[in-house]
Amino acid sequence: WSTCRTAIGKHMLRPKTVLQYVDVMNEVVTDFVNRLK
């Protein structure tokens, strides 16, 4: 478990890394709103 957690956390738990995905998440949200309509 520790090995898995360390490998994943190095990428997914860093605030700066997470913010790098704002644009792509926004693209998904745009398509989501269109899909709902």
All heavy atoms as atom14 arrays in JSON, in Angstrom:
{
  "sequence": "WSTCRTAIGKHMLRPKTVLQYVDVMNEVVTDFVNRLK",
  "atom14_mask": [
    [1, 1, 1, 1, 1, 1, 1, 1, 1, 1, 1, 1, 1, 1],
    [1, 1, 1, 1, 1, 1, 0, 0, 0, 0, 0, 0, 0, 0],
    [1, 1, 1, 1, 1, 1, 1, 0, 0, 0, 0, 0, 0, 0],
    [1, 1, 1, 1, 1, 1, 0, 0, 0, 0, 0, 0, 0, 0],
    [1, 1, 1, 1, 1, 1, 1, 1, 1, 1, 1, 0, 0, 0],
    [1, 1, 1, 1, 1, 1, 1, 0, 0, 0, 0, 0, 0, 0],
    [1, 1, 1, 1, 1, 0, 0, 0, 0, 0, 0, 0, 0, 0],
    [1, 1, 1, 1, 1, 1, 1, 1, 0, 0, 0, 0, 0, 0],
    [1, 1, 1, 1, 0, 0, 0, 0, 0, 0, 0, 0, 0, 0],
    [1, 1, 1, 1, 1, 1, 1, 1, 1, 0, 0, 0, 0, 0],
    [1, 1, 1, 1, 1, 1, 1, 1, 1, 1, 0, 0, 0, 0],
    [1, 1, 1, 1, 1, 1, 1, 1, 0, 0, 0, 0, 0, 0],
    [1, 1, 1, 1, 1, 1, 1, 1, 0, 0, 0, 0, 0, 0],
    [1, 1, 1, 1, 1, 1, 1, 1, 1, 1, 1, 0, 0, 0],
    [1, 1, 1, 1, 1, 1, 1, 0, 0, 0, 0, 0, 0, 0],
    [1, 1, 1, 1, 1, 1, 1, 1, 1, 0, 0, 0, 0, 0],
    [1, 1, 1, 1, 1, 1, 1, 0, 0, 0, 0, 0, 0, 0],
    [1, 1, 1, 1, 1, 1, 1, 0, 0, 0, 0, 0, 0, 0],
    [1, 1, 1, 1, 1, 1, 1, 1, 0, 0, 0, 0, 0, 0],
    [1, 1, 1, 1, 1, 1, 1, 1, 1, 0, 0, 0, 0, 0],
    [1, 1, 1, 1, 1, 1, 1, 1, 1, 1, 1, 1, 0, 0],
    [1, 1, 1, 1, 1, 1, 1, 0, 0, 0, 0, 0, 0, 0],
    [1, 1, 1, 1, 1, 1, 1, 1, 0, 0, 0, 0, 0, 0],
    [1, 1, 1, 1, 1, 1, 1, 0, 0, 0, 0, 0, 0, 0],
    [1, 1, 1, 1, 1, 1, 1, 1, 0, 0, 0, 0, 0, 0],
    [1, 1, 1, 1, 1, 1, 1, 1, 0, 0, 0, 0, 0, 0],
    [1, 1, 1, 1, 1, 1, 1, 1, 1, 0, 0, 0, 0, 0],
    [1, 1, 1, 1, 1, 1, 1, 0, 0, 0, 0, 0, 0, 0],
    [1, 1, 1, 1, 1, 1, 1, 0, 0, 0, 0, 0, 0, 0],
    [1, 1, 1, 1, 1, 1, 1, 0, 0, 0, 0, 0, 0, 0],
    [1, 1, 1, 1, 1, 1, 1, 1, 0, 0, 0, 0, 0, 0],
    [1, 1, 1, 1, 1, 1, 1, 1, 1, 1, 1, 0, 0, 0],
    [1, 1, 1, 1, 1, 1, 1, 0, 0, 0, 0, 0, 0, 0],
    [1, 1, 1, 1, 1, 1, 1, 1, 0, 0, 0, 0, 0, 0],
    [1, 1, 1, 1, 1, 1, 1, 1, 1, 1, 1, 0, 0, 0],
    [1, 1, 1, 1, 1, 1, 1, 1, 0, 0, 0, 0, 0, 0],
    [1, 1, 1, 1, 1, 1, 1, 1, 1, 0, 0, 0, 0, 0]
  ],
  "atom14_positions": [
    [[0.83, -1.2, 0.0], [0.0, 0.0, 0.0], [0.87, 1.26, 0.0], [0.59, 2.22, -0.74], [-0.91, 0.01, 1.23], [-1.5, 1.36, 1.49], [-2.59, 1.92, 0.88], [-0.99, 2.35, 2.39], [-2.79, 3.18, 1.35], [-1.82, 3.48, 2.28], [0.08, 2.38, 3.29], [-1.62, 4.63, 3.03], [0.28, 3.54, 4.03], [-0.56, 4.64, 3.9]],
    [[1.9, 1.28, 0.81], [2.77, 2.45, 0.9], [3.43, 2.75, -0.44], [3.55, 3.92, -0.84], [3.84, 2.23, 1.98], [4.68, 3.34, 2.09], [0.0, 0.0, 0.0], [0.0, 0.0, 0.0], [0.0, 0.0, 0.0], [0.0, 0.0, 0.0], [0.0, 0.0, 0.0], [0.0, 0.0, 0.0], [0.0, 0.0, 0.0], [0.0, 0.0, 0.0]],
    [[3.82, 1.72, -1.14], [4.44, 1.91, -2.46], [3.46, 2.56, -3.42], [3.79, 3.5, -4.15], [4.92, 0.56, -3.02], [5.91, 0.01, -2.14], [5.53, 0.73, -4.4], [0.0, 0.0, 0.0], [0.0, 0.0, 0.0], [0.0, 0.0, 0.0], [0.0, 0.0, 0.0], [0.0, 0.0, 0.0], [0.0, 0.0, 0.0], [0.0, 0.0, 0.0]],
    [[2.22, 2.05, -3.43], [1.19, 2.6, -4.32], [0.89, 4.05, -3.95], [0.8, 4.93, -4.82], [-0.08, 1.77, -4.24], [0.06, 0.08, -4.84], [0.0, 0.0, 0.0], [0.0, 0.0, 0.0], [0.0, 0.0, 0.0], [0.0, 0.0, 0.0], [0.0, 0.0, 0.0], [0.0, 0.0, 0.0], [0.0, 0.0, 0.0], [0.0, 0.0, 0.0]],
    [[0.72, 4.28, -2.67], [0.35, 5.62, -2.2], [1.42, 6.64, -2.54], [1.12, 7.76, -2.99], [0.13, 5.56, -0.68], [-0.04, 6.91, 0.0], [-1.38, 7.5, -0.27], [-1.5, 8.81, 0.37], [-2.64, 9.41, 0.59], [-3.77, 8.84, 0.25], [-2.68, 10.61, 1.15], [0.0, 0.0, 0.0], [0.0, 0.0, 0.0], [0.0, 0.0, 0.0]],
    [[2.68, 6.29, -2.33], [3.78, 7.21, -2.62], [3.83, 7.55, -4.1], [3.99, 8.72, -4.48], [5.12, 6.59, -2.18], [5.08, 6.32, -0.77], [6.28, 7.52, -2.49], [0.0, 0.0, 0.0], [0.0, 0.0, 0.0], [0.0, 0.0, 0.0], [0.0, 0.0, 0.0], [0.0, 0.0, 0.0], [0.0, 0.0, 0.0], [0.0, 0.0, 0.0]],
    [[3.68, 6.54, -4.95], [3.74, 6.76, -6.39], [2.62, 7.67, -6.86], [2.82, 8.57, -7.7], [3.67, 5.41, -7.12], [0.0, 0.0, 0.0], [0.0, 0.0, 0.0], [0.0, 0.0, 0.0], [0.0, 0.0, 0.0], [0.0, 0.0, 0.0], [0.0, 0.0, 0.0], [0.0, 0.0, 0.0], [0.0, 0.0, 0.0], [0.0, 0.0, 0.0]],
    [[1.41, 7.48, -6.34], [0.26, 8.27, -6.76], [0.3, 9.67, -6.15], [0.03, 10.67, -6.82], [-1.04, 7.55, -6.37], [-1.19, 6.28, -7.2], [-2.26, 8.45, -6.55], [-2.27, 5.35, -6.73], [0.0, 0.0, 0.0], [0.0, 0.0, 0.0], [0.0, 0.0, 0.0], [0.0, 0.0, 0.0], [0.0, 0.0, 0.0], [0.0, 0.0, 0.0]],
    [[0.64, 9.74, -4.87], [0.63, 11.03, -4.18], [1.6, 12.04, -4.75], [1.33, 13.25, -4.72], [0.0, 0.0, 0.0], [0.0, 0.0, 0.0], [0.0, 0.0, 0.0], [0.0, 0.0, 0.0], [0.0, 0.0, 0.0], [0.0, 0.0, 0.0], [0.0, 0.0, 0.0], [0.0, 0.0, 0.0], [0.0, 0.0, 0.0], [0.0, 0.0, 0.0]],
    [[2.71, 11.57, -5.28], [3.71, 12.49, -5.83], [3.14, 13.31, -6.98], [3.63, 14.4, -7.27], [4.94, 11.7, -6.31], [5.84, 11.23, -5.19], [7.06, 10.51, -5.74], [8.01, 10.09, -4.61], [9.2, 9.37, -5.11], [0.0, 0.0, 0.0], [0.0, 0.0, 0.0], [0.0, 0.0, 0.0], [0.0, 0.0, 0.0], [0.0, 0.0, 0.0]],
    [[2.12, 12.78, -7.63], [1.54, 13.51, -8.76], [0.2, 14.15, -8.39], [-0.03, 15.32, -8.69], [1.33, 12.54, -9.93], [0.97, 13.23, -11.22], [1.87, 13.94, -11.96], [-0.23, 13.33, -11.88], [1.28, 14.43, -13.03], [0.0, 14.08, -13.0], [0.0, 0.0, 0.0], [0.0, 0.0, 0.0], [0.0, 0.0, 0.0], [0.0, 0.0, 0.0]],
    [[-0.67, 13.42, -7.72], [-2.05, 13.87, -7.55], [-2.28, 14.76, -6.33], [-3.33, 15.4, -6.23], [-3.0, 12.66, -7.47], [-3.02, 11.83, -8.73], [-4.38, 10.67, -8.77], [-5.77, 11.75, -9.11], [0.0, 0.0, 0.0], [0.0, 0.0, 0.0], [0.0, 0.0, 0.0], [0.0, 0.0, 0.0], [0.0, 0.0, 0.0], [0.0, 0.0, 0.0]],
    [[-1.35, 14.8, -5.4], [-1.56, 15.57, -4.18], [-0.78, 16.88, -4.14], [-0.83, 17.6, -3.14], [-1.2, 14.71, -2.96], [-2.18, 13.57, -2.67], [-1.67, 12.69, -1.54], [-3.56, 14.13, -2.32], [0.0, 0.0, 0.0], [0.0, 0.0, 0.0], [0.0, 0.0, 0.0], [0.0, 0.0, 0.0], [0.0, 0.0, 0.0], [0.0, 0.0, 0.0]],
    [[-0.08, 17.2, -5.2], [0.65, 18.46, -5.24], [-0.27, 19.56, -5.77], [-0.76, 19.48, -6.89], [1.88, 18.34, -6.13], [2.97, 17.44, -5.54], [4.13, 17.28, -6.48], [5.21, 16.52, -5.86], [6.3, 16.11, -6.52], [6.43, 16.4, -7.81], [7.23, 15.42, -5.9], [0.0, 0.0, 0.0], [0.0, 0.0, 0.0], [0.0, 0.0, 0.0]],
    [[-0.52, 20.61, -4.99], [-1.45, 21.66, -5.42], [-1.12, 22.26, -6.78], [-2.02, 22.49, -7.61], [-1.33, 22.71, -4.3], [-0.95, 21.92, -3.09], [-0.04, 20.84, -3.61], [0.0, 0.0, 0.0], [0.0, 0.0, 0.0], [0.0, 0.0, 0.0], [0.0, 0.0, 0.0], [0.0, 0.0, 0.0], [0.0, 0.0, 0.0], [0.0, 0.0, 0.0]],
    [[0.16, 22.52, -7.04], [0.54, 23.1, -8.33], [0.22, 22.15, -9.49], [-0.2, 22.59, -10.56], [2.02, 23.46, -8.33], [2.37, 24.65, -7.45], [3.84, 25.02, -7.57], [4.17, 26.24, -6.72], [5.62, 26.61, -6.82], [0.0, 0.0, 0.0], [0.0, 0.0, 0.0], [0.0, 0.0, 0.0], [0.0, 0.0, 0.0], [0.0, 0.0, 0.0]],
    [[0.43, 20.87, -9.26], [0.12, 19.89, -10.3], [-1.37, 19.85, -10.57], [-1.82, 19.81, -11.72], [0.62, 18.5, -9.9], [2.03, 18.54, -9.69], [0.3, 17.47, -10.97], [0.0, 0.0, 0.0], [0.0, 0.0, 0.0], [0.0, 0.0, 0.0], [0.0, 0.0, 0.0], [0.0, 0.0, 0.0], [0.0, 0.0, 0.0], [0.0, 0.0, 0.0]],
    [[-2.17, 19.87, -9.51], [-3.62, 19.82, -9.67], [-4.13, 21.03, -10.45], [-4.99, 20.9, -11.34], [-4.29, 19.74, -8.28], [-5.82, 19.81, -8.42], [-3.9, 18.45, -7.57], [0.0, 0.0, 0.0], [0.0, 0.0, 0.0], [0.0, 0.0, 0.0], [0.0, 0.0, 0.0], [0.0, 0.0, 0.0], [0.0, 0.0, 0.0], [0.0, 0.0, 0.0]],
    [[-3.59, 22.21, -10.16], [-4.02, 23.43, -10.85], [-3.71, 23.38, -12.35], [-4.37, 24.05, -13.15], [-3.37, 24.65, -10.22], [-3.93, 25.08, -8.86], [-3.08, 26.2, -8.25], [-5.38, 25.53, -8.97], [0.0, 0.0, 0.0], [0.0, 0.0, 0.0], [0.0, 0.0, 0.0], [0.0, 0.0, 0.0], [0.0, 0.0, 0.0], [0.0, 0.0, 0.0]],
    [[-2.72, 22.59, -12.73], [-2.39, 22.48, -14.16], [-3.52, 21.84, -14.97], [-3.55, 21.96, -16.2], [-1.11, 21.65, -14.33], [0.15, 22.33, -13.8], [1.37, 21.42, -13.87], [1.3, 20.29, -14.36], [2.49, 21.91, -13.37], [0.0, 0.0, 0.0], [0.0, 0.0, 0.0], [0.0, 0.0, 0.0], [0.0, 0.0, 0.0], [0.0, 0.0, 0.0]],
    [[-4.45, 21.19, -14.27], [-5.55, 20.52, -14.96], [-6.83, 21.35, -15.01], [-7.86, 20.85, -15.46], [-5.83, 19.17, -14.29], [-4.75, 18.14, -14.5], [-3.8, 17.91, -13.52], [-4.66, 17.43, -15.69], [-2.79, 16.96, -13.71], [-3.66, 16.5, -15.9], [-2.72, 16.27, -14.89], [-1.72, 15.35, -15.1], [0.0, 0.0, 0.0], [0.0, 0.0, 0.0]],
    [[-6.78, 22.6, -14.57], [-7.98, 23.44, -14.59], [-8.53, 23.6, -16.0], [-9.74, 23.47, -16.24], [-7.68, 24.82, -13.96], [-8.8, 25.82, -14.3], [-7.55, 24.7, -12.46], [0.0, 0.0, 0.0], [0.0, 0.0, 0.0], [0.0, 0.0, 0.0], [0.0, 0.0, 0.0], [0.0, 0.0, 0.0], [0.0, 0.0, 0.0], [0.0, 0.0, 0.0]],
    [[-7.66, 23.86, -16.96], [-8.12, 24.1, -18.33], [-8.81, 22.87, -18.93], [-9.88, 22.97, -19.53], [-6.95, 24.53, -19.23], [-6.46, 25.94, -18.89], [-7.2, 26.69, -18.21], [-5.33, 26.28, -19.28], [0.0, 0.0, 0.0], [0.0, 0.0, 0.0], [0.0, 0.0, 0.0], [0.0, 0.0, 0.0], [0.0, 0.0, 0.0], [0.0, 0.0, 0.0]],
    [[-8.19, 21.71, -18.76], [-8.8, 20.51, -19.34], [-10.08, 20.14, -18.6], [-11.05, 19.67, -19.21], [-7.79, 19.34, -19.35], [-7.53, 18.82, -17.92], [-8.3, 18.2, -20.22], [0.0, 0.0, 0.0], [0.0, 0.0, 0.0], [0.0, 0.0, 0.0], [0.0, 0.0, 0.0], [0.0, 0.0, 0.0], [0.0, 0.0, 0.0], [0.0, 0.0, 0.0]],
    [[-10.12, 20.39, -17.29], [-11.37, 20.14, -16.56], [-12.46, 21.09, -17.01], [-13.64, 20.7, -17.1], [-11.13, 20.29, -15.06], [-10.34, 19.15, -14.43], [-10.13, 19.39, -12.64], [-9.22, 17.9, -12.2], [0.0, 0.0, 0.0], [0.0, 0.0, 0.0], [0.0, 0.0, 0.0], [0.0, 0.0, 0.0], [0.0, 0.0, 0.0], [0.0, 0.0, 0.0]],
    [[-12.09, 22.32, -17.32], [-13.08, 23.27, -17.83], [-13.61, 22.85, -19.19], [-14.79, 23.04, -19.5], [-12.46, 24.67, -17.92], [-12.63, 25.46, -16.64], [-13.64, 25.36, -15.96], [-11.63, 26.27, -16.3], [0.0, 0.0, 0.0], [0.0, 0.0, 0.0], [0.0, 0.0, 0.0], [0.0, 0.0, 0.0], [0.0, 0.0, 0.0], [0.0, 0.0, 0.0]],
    [[-12.75, 22.28, -20.03], [-13.22, 21.77, -21.32], [-14.26, 20.67, -21.12], [-15.26, 20.61, -21.83], [-12.02, 21.23, -22.11], [-11.05, 22.29, -22.59], [-9.83, 21.68, -23.28], [-9.84, 20.44, -23.5], [-8.89, 22.42, -23.58], [0.0, 0.0, 0.0], [0.0, 0.0, 0.0], [0.0, 0.0, 0.0], [0.0, 0.0, 0.0], [0.0, 0.0, 0.0]],
    [[-14.0, 19.82, -20.15], [-14.95, 18.75, -19.85], [-16.26, 19.33, -19.34], [-17.35, 18.89, -19.74], [-14.36, 17.76, -18.82], [-15.41, 16.74, -18.38], [-13.15, 17.03, -19.4], [0.0, 0.0, 0.0], [0.0, 0.0, 0.0], [0.0, 0.0, 0.0], [0.0, 0.0, 0.0], [0.0, 0.0, 0.0], [0.0, 0.0, 0.0], [0.0, 0.0, 0.0]],
    [[-16.18, 20.34, -18.48], [-17.39, 20.95, -17.93], [-18.21, 21.62, -19.03], [-19.45, 21.57, -19.03], [-17.04, 21.97, -16.83], [-18.28, 22.74, -16.39], [-16.44, 21.26, -15.63], [0.0, 0.0, 0.0], [0.0, 0.0, 0.0], [0.0, 0.0, 0.0], [0.0, 0.0, 0.0], [0.0, 0.0, 0.0], [0.0, 0.0, 0.0], [0.0, 0.0, 0.0]],
    [[-17.55, 22.25, -19.99], [-18.27, 22.86, -21.12], [-19.09, 21.81, -21.86], [-20.28, 22.0, -22.15], [-17.28, 23.52, -22.08], [-16.61, 24.59, -21.42], [-18.01, 24.08, -23.3], [0.0, 0.0, 0.0], [0.0, 0.0, 0.0], [0.0, 0.0, 0.0], [0.0, 0.0, 0.0], [0.0, 0.0, 0.0], [0.0, 0.0, 0.0], [0.0, 0.0, 0.0]],
    [[-18.47, 20.67, -22.14], [-19.18, 19.59, -22.82], [-20.28, 19.01, -21.93], [-21.33, 18.58, -22.43], [-18.2, 18.49, -23.22], [-17.24, 18.94, -24.32], [-17.54, 19.95, -24.98], [-16.19, 18.28, -24.5], [0.0, 0.0, 0.0], [0.0, 0.0, 0.0], [0.0, 0.0, 0.0], [0.0, 0.0, 0.0], [0.0, 0.0, 0.0], [0.0, 0.0, 0.0]],
    [[-20.05, 19.0, -20.63], [-21.03, 18.48, -19.68], [-22.3, 19.35, -19.69], [-23.42, 18.84, -19.75], [-20.41, 18.45, -18.29], [-21.34, 18.09, -17.18], [-22.13, 16.95, -17.23], [-21.43, 18.9, -16.05], [-22.98, 16.62, -16.18], [-22.28, 18.58, -15.0], [-23.06, 17.44, -15.08], [0.0, 0.0, 0.0], [0.0, 0.0, 0.0], [0.0, 0.0, 0.0]],
    [[-22.12, 20.66, -19.64], [-23.27, 21.57, -19.66], [-24.05, 21.41, -20.96], [-25.29, 21.35, -20.97], [-22.81, 23.03, -19.48], [-23.96, 24.0, -19.77], [-22.28, 23.24, -18.07], [0.0, 0.0, 0.0], [0.0, 0.0, 0.0], [0.0, 0.0, 0.0], [0.0, 0.0, 0.0], [0.0, 0.0, 0.0], [0.0, 0.0, 0.0], [0.0, 0.0, 0.0]],
    [[-23.32, 21.3, -22.07], [-24.0, 21.09, -23.36], [-24.74, 19.76, -23.39], [-25.83, 19.66, -23.96], [-22.98, 21.16, -24.5], [-22.4, 22.55, -24.69], [-23.04, 23.55, -24.33], [-21.21, 22.63, -25.23], [0.0, 0.0, 0.0], [0.0, 0.0, 0.0], [0.0, 0.0, 0.0], [0.0, 0.0, 0.0], [0.0, 0.0, 0.0], [0.0, 0.0, 0.0]],
    [[-24.14, 18.75, -22.78], [-24.78, 17.44, -22.73], [-26.06, 17.5, -21.89], [-27.08, 16.9, -22.27], [-23.8, 16.43, -22.12], [-24.38, 15.07, -21.79], [-24.51, 14.18, -23.0], [-25.26, 12.98, -22.69], [-25.52, 12.01, -23.57], [-25.08, 12.11, -24.8], [-26.22, 10.95, -23.21], [0.0, 0.0, 0.0], [0.0, 0.0, 0.0], [0.0, 0.0, 0.0]],
    [[-26.04, 18.2, -20.77], [-27.23, 18.34, -19.94], [-28.36, 19.01, -20.71], [-29.52, 18.57, -20.67], [-26.91, 19.15, -18.68], [-26.01, 18.49, -17.63], [-25.73, 19.47, -16.5], [-26.64, 17.22, -17.07], [0.0, 0.0, 0.0], [0.0, 0.0, 0.0], [0.0, 0.0, 0.0], [0.0, 0.0, 0.0], [0.0, 0.0, 0.0], [0.0, 0.0, 0.0]],
    [[-28.03, 20.09, -21.44], [-29.05, 20.8, -22.21], [-29.61, 19.92, -23.32], [-30.83, 19.88, -23.54], [-28.46, 22.08, -22.79], [-28.12, 23.12, -21.74], [-27.52, 24.37, -22.37], [-27.24, 25.44, -21.31], [-26.63, 26.66, -21.88], [0.0, 0.0, 0.0], [0.0, 0.0, 0.0], [0.0, 0.0, 0.0], [0.0, 0.0, 0.0], [0.0, 0.0, 0.0]]
  ]
}
